[in-house]
Amino acid sequence: MTPERIAALAVSTLFSITAQAETIQVTIDKLVFAPADLNAKVGDTIEWVNKDVLAHTATATNGDWNVVTGPTQSGRVVLKKAGAVDYFCKYHPNMKGRVIVTP
């Protein structure tokens, strides 16, 4: 293999490495999303962990997702597009959160 070919292969490998997606946990406890506001990237997963004895939802106001979590259960969504997304619990509308998703 020529030095030029090795260099080209090294550069293409370097640029093909992508950032690993993260899982971000939001705790639901005592009728509160914590943290209520968070930053994430496209491809990240948000996991809502419900510590309450009541069912909750994490329902995006723009219709992107509706995650239902039963008592002491969790639910997830993978973020598919950039933008600010407000969400709330359908059963307890005073519970609110916001996710700012960057590319």
C-alpha atoms as a PDB file:
ATOM      1  CA  MET A   1       0.000   0.000   0.000  1.00  0.00           C
ATOM      2  CA  THR A   2       1.363   3.401  -0.952  1.00  0.00           C
ATOM      3  CA  PRO A   3       1.821   6.200   1.571  1.00  0.00           C
ATOM      4  CA  GLU A   4      -0.853   8.215  -0.269  1.00  0.00           C
ATOM      5  CA  ARG A   5      -3.339   5.351   0.041  1.00  0.00           C
ATOM      6  CA  ILE A   6      -2.559   4.970   3.764  1.00  0.00           C
ATOM      7  CA  ALA A   7      -3.083   8.698   4.304  1.00  0.00           C
ATOM      8  CA  ALA A   8      -6.386   8.651   2.385  1.00  0.00           C
ATOM      9  CA  LEU A   9      -7.592   5.660   4.384  1.00  0.00           C
ATOM     10  CA  ALA A  10      -6.639   7.341   7.672  1.00  0.00           C
ATOM     11  CA  VAL A  11      -8.496  10.535   6.733  1.00  0.00           C
ATOM     12  CA  SER A  12     -11.633   8.669   5.637  1.00  0.00           C
ATOM     13  CA  THR A  13     -11.601   6.627   8.850  1.00  0.00           C
ATOM     14  CA  LEU A  14     -11.211   9.772  10.934  1.00  0.00           C
ATOM     15  CA  PHE A  15     -14.202  11.428   9.274  1.00  0.00           C
ATOM     16  CA  SER A  16     -16.388   8.322   9.476  1.00  0.00           C
ATOM     17  CA  ILE A  17     -16.211   8.236  13.272  1.00  0.00           C
ATOM     18  CA  THR A  18     -19.443   9.712  14.577  1.00  0.00           C
ATOM     19  CA  ALA A  19     -20.400  10.871  18.031  1.00  0.00           C
ATOM     20  CA  GLN A  20     -22.143   8.201  20.037  1.00  0.00           C
ATOM     21  CA  ALA A  21     -25.763   8.825  20.872  1.00  0.00           C
ATOM     22  CA  GLU A  22     -26.590   9.275  24.540  1.00  0.00           C
ATOM     23  CA  THR A  23     -29.465   8.188  26.737  1.00  0.00           C
ATOM     24  CA  ILE A  24     -30.732  11.046  28.870  1.00  0.00           C
ATOM     25  CA  GLN A  25     -32.865  10.186  31.887  1.00  0.00           C
ATOM     26  CA  VAL A  26     -35.723  12.313  33.104  1.00  0.00           C
ATOM     27  CA  THR A  27     -37.130  11.294  36.480  1.00  0.00           C
ATOM     28  CA  ILE A  28     -40.839  11.620  37.182  1.00  0.00           C
ATOM     29  CA  ASP A  29     -41.335  11.979  40.920  1.00  0.00           C
ATOM     30  CA  LYS A  30     -44.091  13.671  42.904  1.00  0.00           C
ATOM     31  CA  LEU A  31     -45.746  14.903  39.683  1.00  0.00           C
ATOM     32  CA  VAL A  32     -42.603  16.660  38.406  1.00  0.00           C
ATOM     33  CA  PHE A  33     -40.298  16.048  35.422  1.00  0.00           C
ATOM     34  CA  ALA A  34     -36.665  16.427  36.552  1.00  0.00           C
ATOM     35  CA  PRO A  35     -34.856  17.948  34.851  1.00  0.00           C
ATOM     36  CA  ALA A  36     -37.714  19.849  33.282  1.00  0.00           C
ATOM     37  CA  ASP A  37     -35.501  21.437  30.625  1.00  0.00           C
ATOM     38  CA  LEU A  38     -32.728  19.631  28.828  1.00  0.00           C
ATOM     39  CA  ASN A  39     -30.487  19.737  25.789  1.00  0.00           C
ATOM     40  CA  ALA A  40     -30.025  16.752  23.487  1.00  0.00           C
ATOM     41  CA  LYS A  41     -28.913  15.858  19.979  1.00  0.00           C
ATOM     42  CA  VAL A  42     -30.665  14.142  17.099  1.00  0.00           C
ATOM     43  CA  GLY A  43     -30.208  10.413  17.691  1.00  0.00           C
ATOM     44  CA  ASP A  44     -30.157  10.680  21.482  1.00  0.00           C
ATOM     45  CA  THR A  45     -32.694   8.731  23.523  1.00  0.00           C
ATOM     46  CA  ILE A  46     -34.736  10.274  26.300  1.00  0.00           C
ATOM     47  CA  GLU A  47     -35.862   7.843  28.973  1.00  0.00           C
ATOM     48  CA  TRP A  48     -38.564   8.923  31.400  1.00  0.00           C
ATOM     49  CA  VAL A  49     -38.312   6.967  34.669  1.00  0.00           C
ATOM     50  CA  ASN A  50     -41.595   7.105  36.553  1.00  0.00           C
ATOM     51  CA  LYS A  51     -41.097   6.811  40.324  1.00  0.00           C
ATOM     52  CA  ASP A  52     -44.693   7.752  41.078  1.00  0.00           C
ATOM     53  CA  VAL A  53     -47.525   5.324  41.818  1.00  0.00           C
ATOM     54  CA  LEU A  54     -49.551   7.054  39.074  1.00  0.00           C
ATOM     55  CA  ALA A  55     -49.315   6.651  35.303  1.00  0.00           C
ATOM     56  CA  HIS A  56     -47.913   9.593  33.323  1.00  0.00           C
ATOM     57  CA  THR A  57     -47.238  10.595  29.735  1.00  0.00           C
ATOM     58  CA  ALA A  58     -44.551  12.651  28.078  1.00  0.00           C
ATOM     59  CA  THR A  59     -46.546  14.107  25.204  1.00  0.00           C
ATOM     60  CA  ALA A  60     -44.873  16.466  22.744  1.00  0.00           C
ATOM     61  CA  THR A  61     -47.016  19.500  21.942  1.00  0.00           C
ATOM     62  CA  ASN A  62     -45.906  19.273  18.284  1.00  0.00           C
ATOM     63  CA  GLY A  63     -47.073  15.655  17.982  1.00  0.00           C
ATOM     64  CA  ASP A  64     -43.580  14.131  17.679  1.00  0.00           C
ATOM     65  CA  TRP A  65     -44.105  11.626  20.490  1.00  0.00           C
ATOM     66  CA  ASN A  66     -46.445  10.384  23.195  1.00  0.00           C
ATOM     67  CA  VAL A  67     -44.656   8.180  25.719  1.00  0.00           C
ATOM     68  CA  VAL A  68     -46.834   6.490  28.347  1.00  0.00           C
ATOM     69  CA  THR A  69     -45.218   5.292  31.574  1.00  0.00           C
ATOM     70  CA  GLY A  70     -47.127   3.195  34.032  1.00  0.00           C
ATOM     71  CA  PRO A  71     -46.505   3.416  37.765  1.00  0.00           C
ATOM     72  CA  THR A  72     -42.838   2.686  38.563  1.00  0.00           C
ATOM     73  CA  GLN A  73     -42.078   2.004  34.879  1.00  0.00           C
ATOM     74  CA  SER A  74     -40.119   3.827  32.195  1.00  0.00           C
ATOM     75  CA  GLY A  75     -40.577   4.815  28.569  1.00  0.00           C
ATOM     76  CA  ARG A  76     -38.233   5.984  25.825  1.00  0.00           C
ATOM     77  CA  VAL A  77     -38.127   7.971  22.634  1.00  0.00           C
ATOM     78  CA  VAL A  78     -35.305   8.455  20.123  1.00  0.00           C
ATOM     79  CA  LEU A  79     -35.038  12.063  18.943  1.00  0.00           C
ATOM     80  CA  LYS A  80     -35.381  12.258  15.163  1.00  0.00           C
ATOM     81  CA  LYS A  81     -35.160  15.968  14.335  1.00  0.00           C
ATOM     82  CA  ALA A  82     -33.711  19.221  15.613  1.00  0.00           C
ATOM     83  CA  GLY A  83     -35.747  21.930  17.285  1.00  0.00           C
ATOM     84  CA  ALA A  84     -37.277  22.941  20.592  1.00  0.00           C
ATOM     85  CA  VAL A  85     -40.006  20.580  21.804  1.00  0.00           C
ATOM     86  CA  ASP A  86     -42.289  21.342  24.712  1.00  0.00           C
ATOM     87  CA  TYR A  87     -44.009  18.377  26.347  1.00  0.00           C
ATOM     88  CA  PHE A  88     -46.491  17.685  29.140  1.00  0.00           C
ATOM     89  CA  CYS A  89     -48.366  14.885  30.895  1.00  0.00           C
ATOM     90  CA  LYS A  90     -51.843  14.312  29.426  1.00  0.00           C
ATOM     91  CA  TYR A  91     -53.101  13.069  32.795  1.00  0.00           C
ATOM     92  CA  HIS A  92     -51.532  15.907  34.801  1.00  0.00           C
ATOM     93  CA  PRO A  93     -51.245  18.934  32.450  1.00  0.00           C
ATOM     94  CA  ASN A  94     -49.417  21.009  35.068  1.00  0.00           C
ATOM     95  CA  MET A  95     -46.400  18.699  34.511  1.00  0.00           C
ATOM     96  CA  LYS A  96     -44.314  20.321  31.766  1.00  0.00           C
ATOM     97  CA  GLY A  97     -40.885  19.983  30.220  1.00  0.00           C
ATOM     98  CA  ARG A  98     -38.808  21.154  27.270  1.00  0.00           C
ATOM     99  CA  VAL A  99     -36.167  19.518  25.120  1.00  0.00           C
ATOM    100  CA  ILE A 100     -33.888  21.516  22.860  1.00  0.00           C
ATOM    101  CA  VAL A 101     -32.602  19.159  20.162  1.00  0.00           C
ATOM    102  CA  THR A 102     -29.568  20.120  18.094  1.00  0.00           C
ATOM    103  CA  PRO A 103     -28.331  18.369  14.938  1.00  0.00           C
END
